[in-house]
N, C-alpha and C. Protein backbone atom coordinates (compact mmCIF):
# COMPACT_ATOMS: atom_id res chain seq x y z
N UNK A 1 -12.22 3.47 -0.49
CA UNK A 1 -11.65 4.83 0.03
C UNK A 1 -12.62 5.74 0.43
N UNK A 2 -13.74 5.82 -0.60
CA UNK A 2 -14.92 6.63 -0.38
C UNK A 2 -15.82 6.58 0.77
N UNK A 3 -16.00 5.08 0.90
CA UNK A 3 -16.84 4.84 2.11
C UNK A 3 -16.18 5.22 3.43
N UNK A 4 -14.87 4.81 3.35
CA UNK A 4 -14.37 4.96 4.89
C UNK A 4 -14.09 6.36 4.99
N UNK A 5 -13.77 7.37 3.79
CA UNK A 5 -13.79 8.54 3.93
C UNK A 5 -14.76 9.34 4.61
N UNK A 6 -15.88 8.74 4.10
CA UNK A 6 -17.38 9.52 4.42
C UNK A 6 -17.63 9.24 6.04
N UNK A 7 -17.41 8.04 6.52
CA UNK A 7 -17.35 7.74 7.80
C UNK A 7 -16.47 8.69 8.77
N UNK A 8 -15.28 8.77 8.32
CA UNK A 8 -14.44 9.74 8.90
C UNK A 8 -14.94 11.20 9.05
N UNK A 9 -15.40 11.68 7.75
CA UNK A 9 -15.96 13.05 7.73
C UNK A 9 -17.07 13.18 8.77
N UNK A 10 -17.89 12.23 8.89
CA UNK A 10 -19.05 12.32 9.66
C UNK A 10 -18.73 12.48 11.08
N UNK A 11 -17.74 11.62 11.56
CA UNK A 11 -17.13 11.92 12.80
C UNK A 11 -16.52 13.31 12.97
N UNK A 12 -15.64 13.68 11.90
CA UNK A 12 -15.21 14.94 12.26
C UNK A 12 -16.16 16.11 12.44
N UNK A 13 -17.37 16.06 11.65
CA UNK A 13 -18.38 17.00 11.91
C UNK A 13 -18.87 17.15 13.40
N UNK A 14 -19.31 15.68 13.63
CA UNK A 14 -20.01 15.52 15.24
C UNK A 14 -18.86 16.09 16.14
N UNK A 15 -17.52 15.79 16.13
CA UNK A 15 -16.57 16.00 17.17
C UNK A 15 -16.46 17.71 16.95
N UNK A 16 -16.44 18.16 15.95
CA UNK A 16 -16.41 19.72 15.85
C UNK A 16 -17.70 20.38 16.68
N UNK A 17 -18.81 19.68 16.41
CA UNK A 17 -20.24 20.14 17.08
C UNK A 17 -19.98 20.21 18.56
N UNK A 18 -19.46 18.93 19.05
CA UNK A 18 -19.09 18.81 20.50
C UNK A 18 -18.04 19.88 20.97
N UNK A 19 -17.01 20.04 20.20
CA UNK A 19 -15.79 21.11 20.55
C UNK A 19 -16.61 22.41 20.59
N UNK A 20 -17.40 22.84 19.76
CA UNK A 20 -17.93 24.09 19.89
C UNK A 20 -18.75 24.34 21.15
N UNK A 21 -19.02 23.35 21.96
CA UNK A 21 -19.96 23.78 23.11
C UNK A 21 -19.05 24.28 24.24
N UNK A 22 -17.55 24.52 23.85
CA UNK A 22 -16.67 25.18 24.97
C UNK A 22 -17.14 26.66 25.00
N UNK A 23 -17.78 27.30 23.85
CA UNK A 23 -18.28 28.49 23.96
C UNK A 23 -19.60 28.93 24.89
N UNK A 24 -20.14 27.88 25.35
CA UNK A 24 -21.23 27.92 26.05
C UNK A 24 -20.91 27.98 27.69
N UNK A 25 -19.73 27.47 27.84
CA UNK A 25 -19.27 27.72 29.20
C UNK A 25 -18.30 26.37 29.67
N UNK A 26 -17.79 26.29 30.69
CA UNK A 26 -17.09 25.27 31.33
C UNK A 26 -17.88 24.04 31.75
N UNK A 27 -19.01 24.68 32.34
CA UNK A 27 -20.15 23.62 32.93
C UNK A 27 -20.55 22.93 31.88
N UNK A 28 -21.23 23.49 30.76
CA UNK A 28 -21.62 22.69 29.46
C UNK A 28 -20.75 21.69 29.02
N UNK A 29 -19.56 22.35 28.63
CA UNK A 29 -18.48 21.48 28.15
C UNK A 29 -18.25 20.27 28.75
N UNK A 30 -17.88 20.45 30.19
CA UNK A 30 -17.60 19.36 30.88
C UNK A 30 -18.81 18.36 31.17
N UNK A 31 -19.88 18.84 31.22
CA UNK A 31 -21.10 17.92 31.17
C UNK A 31 -21.18 17.05 29.92
N UNK A 32 -20.96 17.68 28.89
CA UNK A 32 -20.78 16.98 27.50
C UNK A 32 -19.92 15.97 27.63
N UNK A 33 -18.63 16.38 27.83
CA UNK A 33 -17.72 15.19 27.87
C UNK A 33 -17.96 14.19 28.85
N UNK A 34 -18.50 14.30 29.98
CA UNK A 34 -18.86 13.35 30.88
C UNK A 34 -20.02 12.34 30.25
N UNK A 35 -20.99 13.23 29.68
CA UNK A 35 -22.32 12.49 29.08
C UNK A 35 -21.85 11.61 28.05
N UNK A 36 -20.59 11.73 27.18
CA UNK A 36 -20.31 10.92 26.21
C UNK A 36 -19.81 9.61 26.84
N UNK A 37 -19.07 9.64 27.90
CA UNK A 37 -18.60 8.44 28.81
C UNK A 37 -19.72 7.60 29.12
N UNK A 38 -21.21 8.08 29.50
CA UNK A 38 -22.18 7.39 29.96
C UNK A 38 -23.01 7.20 29.06
N UNK A 39 -22.72 7.55 27.54
CA UNK A 39 -23.78 7.30 26.62
C UNK A 39 -24.14 5.83 26.40
N UNK A 40 -25.29 5.50 26.30
CA UNK A 40 -25.76 4.01 26.35
C UNK A 40 -26.17 3.42 27.26
N UNK A 41 -25.61 4.05 28.78
CA UNK A 41 -25.99 3.43 29.76
C UNK A 41 -27.69 3.57 30.06
N UNK A 42 -28.15 2.21 30.56
CA UNK A 42 -27.32 1.43 31.40
C UNK A 42 -27.08 -0.05 30.46
N UNK A 43 -27.50 0.18 29.42
CA UNK A 43 -27.23 -1.03 28.23
C UNK A 43 -25.74 -1.36 28.32
N UNK A 44 -25.10 -0.16 28.18
CA UNK A 44 -23.52 0.05 27.95
C UNK A 44 -22.84 0.35 29.18
N UNK A 45 -21.89 -0.56 29.88
CA UNK A 45 -21.06 0.26 31.06
C UNK A 45 -20.26 1.42 30.85
N UNK A 46 -19.87 1.93 31.74
CA UNK A 46 -19.14 3.21 31.59
C UNK A 46 -18.03 3.41 30.63
N UNK A 47 -18.19 4.37 29.54
CA UNK A 47 -16.95 4.52 28.53
C UNK A 47 -17.11 3.37 27.58
N UNK A 48 -17.95 2.61 27.47
CA UNK A 48 -18.03 1.53 26.34
C UNK A 48 -18.18 2.18 25.17
N UNK A 49 -19.21 3.13 25.22
CA UNK A 49 -19.60 3.87 23.77
C UNK A 49 -18.30 4.30 23.23
N UNK A 50 -17.48 5.14 23.99
CA UNK A 50 -16.30 5.69 23.52
C UNK A 50 -15.32 4.66 22.98
N UNK A 51 -15.26 3.55 23.83
CA UNK A 51 -14.20 2.41 23.11
C UNK A 51 -14.90 1.95 21.85
N UNK A 52 -16.07 1.61 21.77
CA UNK A 52 -16.70 1.26 20.56
C UNK A 52 -16.49 2.27 19.40
N UNK A 53 -16.70 3.50 19.67
CA UNK A 53 -16.58 4.64 18.79
C UNK A 53 -15.08 4.47 18.13
N UNK A 54 -14.04 4.44 19.28
CA UNK A 54 -12.61 4.54 18.98
C UNK A 54 -12.08 3.32 18.24
N UNK A 55 -12.80 1.92 18.41
CA UNK A 55 -12.57 0.97 17.69
C UNK A 55 -13.06 0.95 16.19
N UNK A 56 -14.15 1.58 16.09
CA UNK A 56 -14.88 1.92 14.75
C UNK A 56 -13.92 2.98 14.05
N UNK A 57 -13.40 3.80 14.49
CA UNK A 57 -12.67 4.99 13.95
C UNK A 57 -11.39 4.30 13.52
N UNK A 58 -10.86 3.32 14.16
CA UNK A 58 -9.28 2.96 13.98
C UNK A 58 -9.65 1.95 12.73
N UNK A 59 -10.75 1.25 12.71
CA UNK A 59 -10.70 0.38 11.61
C UNK A 59 -11.21 1.25 10.35
N UNK A 60 -11.94 2.37 10.47
CA UNK A 60 -12.12 3.27 9.31
C UNK A 60 -10.74 3.78 8.80
N UNK A 61 -9.82 4.34 9.68
CA UNK A 61 -8.66 4.92 9.27
C UNK A 61 -7.89 3.91 8.68
N UNK A 62 -7.52 2.59 9.22
CA UNK A 62 -6.80 1.65 8.69
C UNK A 62 -7.34 1.25 7.17
N UNK A 63 -8.67 1.10 7.21
CA UNK A 63 -9.17 0.78 5.99
C UNK A 63 -9.00 1.85 5.10
N UNK A 64 -8.89 3.23 5.31
CA UNK A 64 -8.67 4.56 4.34
C UNK A 64 -7.24 4.31 4.01
N UNK A 65 -6.34 4.00 4.98
CA UNK A 65 -4.84 4.02 4.56
C UNK A 65 -4.60 2.67 3.77
N UNK A 66 -5.18 1.61 4.00
CA UNK A 66 -4.90 0.30 3.07
C UNK A 66 -5.62 0.59 1.47
N UNK A 67 -6.69 1.59 1.50
CA UNK A 67 -7.14 1.65 0.23
C UNK A 67 -6.37 2.69 -0.58
N UNK A 68 -5.70 3.48 0.06
CA UNK A 68 -4.75 4.39 -0.39
C UNK A 68 -3.58 3.71 -1.10
N UNK A 69 -3.04 2.75 -0.09
CA UNK A 69 -1.98 1.96 -0.63
C UNK A 69 -2.26 1.35 -1.68
N UNK A 70 -3.53 0.41 -1.80
CA UNK A 70 -3.88 -0.16 -2.91
C UNK A 70 -3.85 0.53 -4.23
N UNK A 71 -4.65 1.65 -4.17
CA UNK A 71 -4.93 2.73 -5.29
C UNK A 71 -3.36 2.86 -5.81
N UNK A 72 -2.53 3.38 -5.06
CA UNK A 72 -1.27 3.80 -5.44
C UNK A 72 -0.42 2.89 -6.03
N UNK A 73 -0.59 1.32 -5.47
CA UNK A 73 0.07 0.36 -6.16
C UNK A 73 -0.60 0.03 -7.51
N UNK A 74 -2.04 0.07 -7.61
CA UNK A 74 -2.47 -0.12 -9.10
C UNK A 74 -2.00 0.81 -10.02
N UNK A 75 -1.86 2.08 -9.42
CA UNK A 75 -1.51 3.20 -10.16
C UNK A 75 0.18 3.09 -11.11
N UNK A 76 0.86 2.58 -10.03
CA UNK A 76 2.29 2.12 -10.58
C UNK A 76 2.20 0.86 -11.64
N UNK A 77 1.21 0.16 -11.32
CA UNK A 77 1.29 -1.06 -12.34
C UNK A 77 0.48 -0.76 -13.58
N UNK A 78 -0.18 0.19 -13.59
CA UNK A 78 -0.75 0.47 -14.83
C UNK A 78 0.24 1.22 -15.57
N UNK A 79 1.23 1.92 -15.15
CA UNK A 79 2.35 2.58 -15.60
C UNK A 79 3.46 1.98 -15.25
N UNK A 80 4.16 0.80 -15.53
CA UNK A 80 5.46 0.20 -14.87
C UNK A 80 6.66 0.94 -15.65
N UNK A 81 6.53 1.55 -16.59
CA UNK A 81 7.86 2.48 -17.30
C UNK A 81 7.52 3.87 -17.00
N UNK A 82 8.47 4.55 -16.31
CA UNK A 82 8.28 5.81 -16.13
C UNK A 82 8.37 6.59 -17.27
N UNK A 83 7.74 7.88 -17.56
CA UNK A 83 7.65 8.89 -18.58
C UNK A 83 8.98 9.49 -18.77
N UNK A 84 9.45 9.60 -19.95
CA UNK A 84 10.91 10.13 -20.34
C UNK A 84 10.71 11.56 -19.84
N UNK A 85 9.66 12.19 -19.98
CA UNK A 85 9.43 13.60 -19.54
C UNK A 85 7.92 13.77 -19.03
N UNK A 86 7.63 14.12 -17.69
CA UNK A 86 6.50 14.23 -17.32
C UNK A 86 6.17 15.51 -16.83
N UNK A 87 5.05 15.87 -17.59
CA UNK A 87 4.62 17.31 -17.58
C UNK A 87 4.05 17.53 -16.15
N UNK A 88 3.84 18.72 -15.74
CA UNK A 88 3.62 19.07 -14.33
C UNK A 88 1.88 18.71 -14.25
N UNK A 89 1.79 18.05 -13.14
CA UNK A 89 0.26 17.61 -12.85
C UNK A 89 -0.60 18.82 -12.87
N UNK A 90 -1.84 18.90 -13.58
CA UNK A 90 -2.83 20.06 -13.54
C UNK A 90 -3.92 19.42 -12.54
N UNK A 91 -3.79 20.15 -11.50
CA UNK A 91 -4.89 19.64 -10.42
C UNK A 91 -4.60 20.88 -9.06
N UNK A 92 -5.42 20.49 -8.33
CA UNK A 92 -5.48 21.52 -7.22
C UNK A 92 -4.23 21.24 -6.09
N UNK A 93 -4.02 22.08 -5.40
CA UNK A 93 -2.74 21.81 -4.31
C UNK A 93 -3.13 20.53 -3.38
N UNK A 94 -4.34 20.52 -3.12
CA UNK A 94 -4.95 19.38 -2.18
C UNK A 94 -4.59 18.23 -2.78
N UNK A 95 -4.95 17.94 -4.25
CA UNK A 95 -4.89 16.63 -4.96
C UNK A 95 -3.38 16.22 -4.84
N UNK A 96 -2.43 17.26 -5.10
CA UNK A 96 -1.12 17.00 -5.30
C UNK A 96 -0.40 16.70 -3.84
N UNK A 97 -0.96 16.89 -2.84
CA UNK A 97 -0.53 16.74 -1.49
C UNK A 97 -1.25 15.69 -0.48
N UNK A 98 -2.22 14.87 -1.14
CA UNK A 98 -2.97 14.11 -0.47
C UNK A 98 -2.07 13.18 0.63
N UNK A 99 -1.14 12.74 -0.15
CA UNK A 99 -0.17 11.65 0.62
C UNK A 99 0.37 12.23 2.05
N UNK A 100 1.25 13.45 1.81
CA UNK A 100 1.79 14.27 2.82
C UNK A 100 0.86 14.70 3.69
N UNK A 101 -0.44 15.32 3.33
CA UNK A 101 -1.31 15.77 4.25
C UNK A 101 -1.81 14.49 5.21
N UNK A 102 -2.10 13.22 4.68
CA UNK A 102 -2.44 12.35 5.22
C UNK A 102 -1.55 11.92 6.49
N UNK A 103 -0.15 12.09 6.25
CA UNK A 103 0.82 11.65 7.13
C UNK A 103 0.81 12.78 8.27
N UNK A 104 0.68 14.02 7.83
CA UNK A 104 0.49 15.20 9.04
C UNK A 104 -0.58 14.77 9.78
N UNK A 105 -1.82 14.35 9.27
CA UNK A 105 -2.99 14.21 10.09
C UNK A 105 -2.68 13.05 10.98
N UNK A 106 -2.13 11.89 10.48
CA UNK A 106 -1.91 10.81 11.41
C UNK A 106 -0.92 11.02 12.60
N UNK A 107 0.02 11.90 12.20
CA UNK A 107 0.83 12.33 13.42
C UNK A 107 0.29 13.28 14.42
N UNK A 108 -0.60 14.21 13.96
CA UNK A 108 -1.56 15.21 14.66
C UNK A 108 -2.44 14.28 15.51
N UNK A 109 -3.11 13.23 14.88
CA UNK A 109 -4.14 12.46 15.71
C UNK A 109 -3.32 11.80 16.82
N UNK A 110 -2.23 11.34 16.72
CA UNK A 110 -1.20 10.38 17.84
C UNK A 110 -1.14 11.65 18.93
N UNK A 111 -0.65 13.03 18.44
CA UNK A 111 -0.28 13.87 19.45
C UNK A 111 -1.66 14.26 20.47
N UNK A 112 -2.70 14.20 19.34
CA UNK A 112 -4.03 14.56 20.10
C UNK A 112 -4.47 13.64 21.05
N UNK A 113 -4.40 12.28 20.81
CA UNK A 113 -4.87 11.39 21.71
C UNK A 113 -4.02 11.64 23.07
N UNK A 114 -2.82 11.64 22.96
CA UNK A 114 -1.77 11.92 23.89
C UNK A 114 -2.13 13.19 24.81
N UNK A 115 -2.49 14.27 24.13
CA UNK A 115 -2.72 15.40 24.76
C UNK A 115 -4.17 15.53 25.48
N UNK A 116 -5.12 15.38 24.68
CA UNK A 116 -6.43 15.49 25.35
C UNK A 116 -7.41 14.37 25.61
N UNK A 117 -6.86 13.01 25.33
CA UNK A 117 -7.52 11.90 25.37
C UNK A 117 -6.88 11.32 26.86
N UNK A 118 -5.65 10.84 26.72
CA UNK A 118 -4.80 10.42 27.74
C UNK A 118 -4.27 11.41 28.92
N UNK A 119 -4.09 12.58 28.19
CA UNK A 119 -3.70 13.60 29.05
C UNK A 119 -2.13 13.48 29.44
N UNK A 120 -1.59 12.57 28.81
CA UNK A 120 -0.10 12.39 28.94
C UNK A 120 0.81 13.75 28.91
N UNK A 121 0.54 14.38 27.74
CA UNK A 121 1.24 15.64 27.48
C UNK A 121 0.60 16.93 27.74
N UNK A 122 -0.56 16.81 28.37
CA UNK A 122 -1.37 18.10 28.75
C UNK A 122 -1.02 18.78 30.07
N UNK A 123 -0.74 20.05 30.21
CA UNK A 123 -0.30 20.61 31.38
C UNK A 123 -1.29 20.25 32.74
N UNK A 124 -2.43 19.88 32.58
CA UNK A 124 -3.30 19.80 33.49
C UNK A 124 -3.85 18.27 33.55
N UNK A 125 -4.24 17.78 32.29
CA UNK A 125 -4.50 16.27 32.17
C UNK A 125 -5.37 15.76 33.25
N UNK A 126 -6.61 16.30 33.49
CA UNK A 126 -7.48 15.84 34.56
C UNK A 126 -8.71 15.49 33.62
N UNK A 127 -8.91 14.21 33.68
CA UNK A 127 -10.29 13.65 33.01
C UNK A 127 -11.42 14.36 33.54
N UNK A 128 -11.52 14.91 34.70
CA UNK A 128 -12.74 15.18 35.36
C UNK A 128 -13.14 16.86 34.80
N UNK A 129 -12.19 17.37 34.36
CA UNK A 129 -12.21 18.77 34.00
C UNK A 129 -11.91 19.17 32.57
N UNK A 130 -12.32 18.63 31.45
CA UNK A 130 -11.90 18.69 30.11
C UNK A 130 -11.69 20.11 29.61
N UNK A 131 -12.57 21.09 30.14
CA UNK A 131 -12.51 22.50 29.91
C UNK A 131 -11.19 23.06 30.32
N UNK A 132 -10.79 22.74 31.40
CA UNK A 132 -9.64 23.17 31.88
C UNK A 132 -8.48 22.56 31.03
N UNK A 133 -8.49 21.35 30.53
CA UNK A 133 -7.41 20.77 29.94
C UNK A 133 -7.28 21.54 28.32
N UNK A 134 -8.54 21.91 27.83
CA UNK A 134 -8.42 22.53 26.63
C UNK A 134 -7.73 23.88 26.79
N UNK A 135 -8.36 24.82 27.82
CA UNK A 135 -7.71 26.14 27.94
C UNK A 135 -6.28 26.04 28.28
N UNK A 136 -6.02 25.01 28.97
CA UNK A 136 -4.14 25.07 29.39
C UNK A 136 -3.62 24.67 28.26
N UNK A 137 -4.14 23.86 27.26
CA UNK A 137 -3.52 23.29 26.06
C UNK A 137 -3.12 24.47 25.10
N UNK A 138 -4.06 25.30 25.10
CA UNK A 138 -3.73 26.44 24.09
C UNK A 138 -3.67 27.85 24.71
N UNK A 139 -2.92 27.78 25.86
CA UNK A 139 -2.57 29.04 26.37
C UNK A 139 -1.52 29.72 25.54
N UNK A 140 -1.46 30.86 25.87
CA UNK A 140 -0.25 31.77 25.08
C UNK A 140 1.19 31.25 25.08
N UNK A 141 1.57 30.80 26.28
CA UNK A 141 2.71 30.01 26.35
C UNK A 141 3.11 28.73 25.77
N UNK A 142 2.00 28.15 25.34
CA UNK A 142 2.10 27.01 24.38
C UNK A 142 1.84 27.13 22.97
N UNK A 143 2.14 28.19 22.41
CA UNK A 143 1.68 28.55 21.31
C UNK A 143 2.12 27.60 19.83
N UNK A 144 3.09 26.87 20.24
CA UNK A 144 3.60 26.02 19.45
C UNK A 144 2.74 25.01 19.38
N UNK A 145 1.83 24.44 20.39
CA UNK A 145 0.84 23.66 20.01
C UNK A 145 -0.45 24.09 19.39
N UNK A 146 -0.77 25.47 19.60
CA UNK A 146 -1.60 26.06 18.86
C UNK A 146 -1.14 25.99 17.16
N UNK A 147 -0.02 26.37 16.97
CA UNK A 147 0.45 26.40 15.60
C UNK A 147 0.56 25.01 14.97
N UNK A 148 0.92 23.98 15.69
CA UNK A 148 0.86 22.51 15.18
C UNK A 148 -0.62 22.13 14.65
N UNK A 149 -1.49 22.40 15.70
CA UNK A 149 -2.89 22.31 15.79
C UNK A 149 -3.50 22.79 14.37
N UNK A 150 -3.16 24.16 14.32
CA UNK A 150 -3.70 25.01 12.93
C UNK A 150 -3.08 24.39 11.71
N UNK A 151 -1.76 24.01 11.68
CA UNK A 151 -1.24 23.57 10.38
C UNK A 151 -1.90 22.24 10.22
N UNK A 152 -2.24 21.42 11.14
CA UNK A 152 -2.78 20.02 11.01
C UNK A 152 -4.29 20.13 10.67
N UNK A 153 -5.05 20.86 11.25
CA UNK A 153 -6.56 21.41 10.77
C UNK A 153 -6.68 21.77 9.29
N UNK A 154 -5.63 22.73 8.95
CA UNK A 154 -5.57 23.12 7.40
C UNK A 154 -5.29 21.94 6.69
N UNK A 155 -4.42 21.01 6.92
CA UNK A 155 -4.07 19.74 6.17
C UNK A 155 -5.43 19.09 6.12
N UNK A 156 -6.13 18.87 7.09
CA UNK A 156 -7.44 18.16 7.04
C UNK A 156 -8.36 19.02 6.07
N UNK A 157 -8.42 20.20 6.16
CA UNK A 157 -9.06 20.81 5.23
C UNK A 157 -9.00 20.51 3.77
N UNK A 158 -7.51 20.63 3.44
CA UNK A 158 -7.09 20.42 2.21
C UNK A 158 -7.37 18.91 1.90
N UNK A 159 -7.04 18.14 2.58
CA UNK A 159 -7.50 16.59 2.38
C UNK A 159 -9.06 16.47 2.13
N UNK A 160 -9.75 17.07 3.11
CA UNK A 160 -11.38 17.02 3.00
C UNK A 160 -11.82 17.49 1.60
N UNK A 161 -11.31 18.54 1.15
CA UNK A 161 -11.84 19.18 0.06
C UNK A 161 -11.69 18.42 -1.19
N UNK A 162 -10.36 17.85 -1.40
CA UNK A 162 -10.37 16.96 -2.45
C UNK A 162 -11.00 15.64 -2.23
N UNK A 163 -10.88 15.20 -0.91
CA UNK A 163 -11.27 13.71 -0.71
C UNK A 163 -13.18 13.84 -0.99
N UNK A 164 -13.85 14.78 -0.54
CA UNK A 164 -15.28 14.84 -1.01
C UNK A 164 -15.48 14.74 -2.24
N UNK A 165 -14.78 15.60 -3.06
CA UNK A 165 -14.92 15.69 -4.62
C UNK A 165 -14.69 14.45 -5.14
N UNK A 166 -13.57 13.67 -4.66
CA UNK A 166 -13.12 12.39 -5.38
C UNK A 166 -14.38 11.39 -4.97
N UNK A 167 -14.74 11.34 -3.80
CA UNK A 167 -15.57 10.48 -3.26
C UNK A 167 -17.01 10.62 -4.11
N UNK A 168 -17.27 11.70 -4.49
CA UNK A 168 -18.45 12.11 -5.25
C UNK A 168 -18.29 11.40 -6.52
N UNK A 169 -17.24 11.54 -7.17
CA UNK A 169 -16.82 11.15 -8.58
C UNK A 169 -17.03 9.23 -8.33
N UNK A 170 -16.33 9.00 -7.23
CA UNK A 170 -16.28 7.35 -7.25
C UNK A 170 -17.80 7.08 -7.03
N UNK A 171 -18.59 7.58 -6.30
CA UNK A 171 -19.87 7.11 -6.00
C UNK A 171 -21.09 7.36 -7.08
N UNK A 172 -20.41 7.88 -8.16
CA UNK A 172 -21.20 8.06 -9.42
C UNK A 172 -21.60 9.46 -9.97
N UNK A 173 -21.02 10.41 -9.59
CA UNK A 173 -21.35 11.84 -9.91
C UNK A 173 -20.74 11.70 -11.27
N UNK A 174 -21.50 12.42 -12.24
CA UNK A 174 -21.11 12.72 -13.66
C UNK A 174 -21.60 13.91 -14.20
N UNK A 175 -20.93 14.34 -15.19
CA UNK A 175 -21.31 15.74 -15.71
C UNK A 175 -20.74 16.93 -15.33
N UNK A 176 -20.69 17.80 -16.12
CA UNK A 176 -19.96 19.18 -15.69
C UNK A 176 -20.96 19.93 -14.60
N UNK A 177 -21.96 19.94 -14.60
CA UNK A 177 -22.96 20.52 -13.52
C UNK A 177 -22.76 19.81 -12.19
N UNK A 178 -22.71 18.37 -12.33
CA UNK A 178 -22.43 17.69 -11.02
C UNK A 178 -21.06 17.91 -10.39
N UNK A 179 -20.16 18.11 -11.40
CA UNK A 179 -18.83 18.38 -11.04
C UNK A 179 -18.66 19.82 -10.14
N UNK A 180 -19.16 20.69 -10.76
CA UNK A 180 -19.36 22.22 -10.03
C UNK A 180 -19.99 22.08 -8.91
N UNK A 181 -21.19 21.40 -8.73
CA UNK A 181 -21.87 21.35 -7.46
C UNK A 181 -20.82 20.50 -6.53
N UNK A 182 -20.21 19.31 -6.88
CA UNK A 182 -19.27 18.62 -6.04
C UNK A 182 -18.40 19.61 -5.46
N UNK A 183 -17.78 20.26 -6.48
CA UNK A 183 -16.50 21.18 -5.86
C UNK A 183 -16.95 22.16 -5.09
N UNK A 184 -18.11 22.66 -5.37
CA UNK A 184 -18.67 23.82 -4.19
C UNK A 184 -18.99 23.21 -3.01
N UNK A 185 -19.59 22.35 -2.86
CA UNK A 185 -19.94 21.36 -1.56
C UNK A 185 -18.71 21.06 -1.06
N UNK A 186 -17.61 20.54 -1.60
CA UNK A 186 -16.48 20.31 -1.08
C UNK A 186 -15.82 21.41 -0.28
N UNK A 187 -15.80 22.71 -0.88
CA UNK A 187 -15.20 23.74 -0.49
C UNK A 187 -16.06 24.31 0.45
N UNK A 188 -17.09 24.32 0.57
CA UNK A 188 -17.93 24.77 1.65
C UNK A 188 -17.76 24.14 2.91
N UNK A 189 -17.94 22.84 2.84
CA UNK A 189 -17.76 21.79 3.99
C UNK A 189 -16.43 21.89 4.51
N UNK A 190 -15.33 21.84 3.68
CA UNK A 190 -13.65 21.94 4.50
C UNK A 190 -13.72 23.16 4.74
N UNK A 191 -14.36 24.21 4.37
CA UNK A 191 -14.35 25.62 5.03
C UNK A 191 -14.74 25.75 6.59
N UNK A 192 -16.01 25.12 6.55
CA UNK A 192 -16.75 25.34 7.69
C UNK A 192 -15.92 24.12 8.69
N UNK A 193 -15.49 23.34 8.29
CA UNK A 193 -14.87 22.24 9.31
C UNK A 193 -13.57 23.05 9.87
N UNK A 194 -12.71 23.64 8.91
CA UNK A 194 -11.56 24.13 9.25
C UNK A 194 -11.86 25.48 10.37
N UNK A 195 -12.78 26.43 9.81
CA UNK A 195 -13.16 27.42 10.74
C UNK A 195 -13.65 27.10 11.99
N UNK A 196 -14.51 25.86 12.01
CA UNK A 196 -15.02 25.22 13.30
C UNK A 196 -14.16 24.76 14.43
N UNK A 197 -13.10 24.17 13.95
CA UNK A 197 -12.04 23.60 14.49
C UNK A 197 -10.91 24.68 15.14
N UNK A 198 -10.55 25.53 14.21
CA UNK A 198 -9.60 26.67 14.53
C UNK A 198 -10.28 27.72 15.63
N UNK A 199 -11.60 27.60 15.66
CA UNK A 199 -12.03 28.76 16.43
C UNK A 199 -11.88 28.73 17.76
N UNK A 200 -11.68 27.09 18.34
CA UNK A 200 -11.49 26.90 19.65
C UNK A 200 -10.06 27.38 20.30
N UNK A 201 -9.01 26.72 19.69
CA UNK A 201 -7.78 27.18 19.85
C UNK A 201 -7.40 28.71 19.86
N UNK A 202 -8.03 29.47 19.16
CA UNK A 202 -7.71 31.04 18.72
C UNK A 202 -8.53 31.67 19.81
N UNK A 203 -9.79 31.24 20.06
CA UNK A 203 -10.60 31.78 21.20
C UNK A 203 -9.63 31.77 22.66
N UNK A 204 -9.34 30.59 22.76
CA UNK A 204 -8.30 30.45 24.07
C UNK A 204 -7.16 31.40 23.98
N UNK A 205 -6.52 31.29 22.85
CA UNK A 205 -5.07 32.13 22.75
C UNK A 205 -5.68 33.54 22.79
N UNK A 206 -6.75 34.20 22.36
CA UNK A 206 -7.09 35.46 22.42
C UNK A 206 -7.67 35.89 23.60
N UNK A 207 -8.01 35.09 24.59
CA UNK A 207 -8.73 35.07 25.85
C UNK A 207 -10.14 35.28 25.95
N UNK A 208 -10.80 34.91 24.52
CA UNK A 208 -12.28 34.88 24.62
C UNK A 208 -12.90 33.69 25.52
N UNK A 209 -12.25 32.73 25.36
CA UNK A 209 -12.25 31.51 26.15
C UNK A 209 -11.39 31.31 27.35
N UNK A 210 -11.61 31.33 28.70
CA UNK A 210 -10.45 31.26 29.50
C UNK A 210 -11.06 30.76 30.78
């Protein structure tokens, strides 16, 4: 669970860095998108790097979901008899909503692929002009897309905050000082990620990027 989560976090930050190039301008953003398709050339044919990346991400996501299911099953087996009275769980909101957050994220990823990868539900859907796709996607008339995007990214933030802290515990973090550091790092990283991703749709929505 921890290892696959770390792989996904690394991708999220790399993807966010690429998204932020939209503030440099249409030419720079489009050039970056086309560069990704040719990355690895001439050793790799056109778009092979992206397909290798997509395959690796799919394996990581499925592994993460499988690990979550295994851990949930083990937890049920460890307590086969329900508590007569179960007190409210003491923990963060993120910890109590990890499963639902995961479901929201999966649904968002599916929509995101259909929207900005395949262009199926995008108003422009032009692979040659990714910048125009993004601007059209978050236009004021499509506020519901921006809302769904924002809700999904916030869910990612909660998921990430709890996940980073849990991964640190899994990989050997011990002690109160280490726990405080892990919580602080998890909060900072999740906040940066959420702010970075949300800056793009709100910049389009407010006219900063057009």
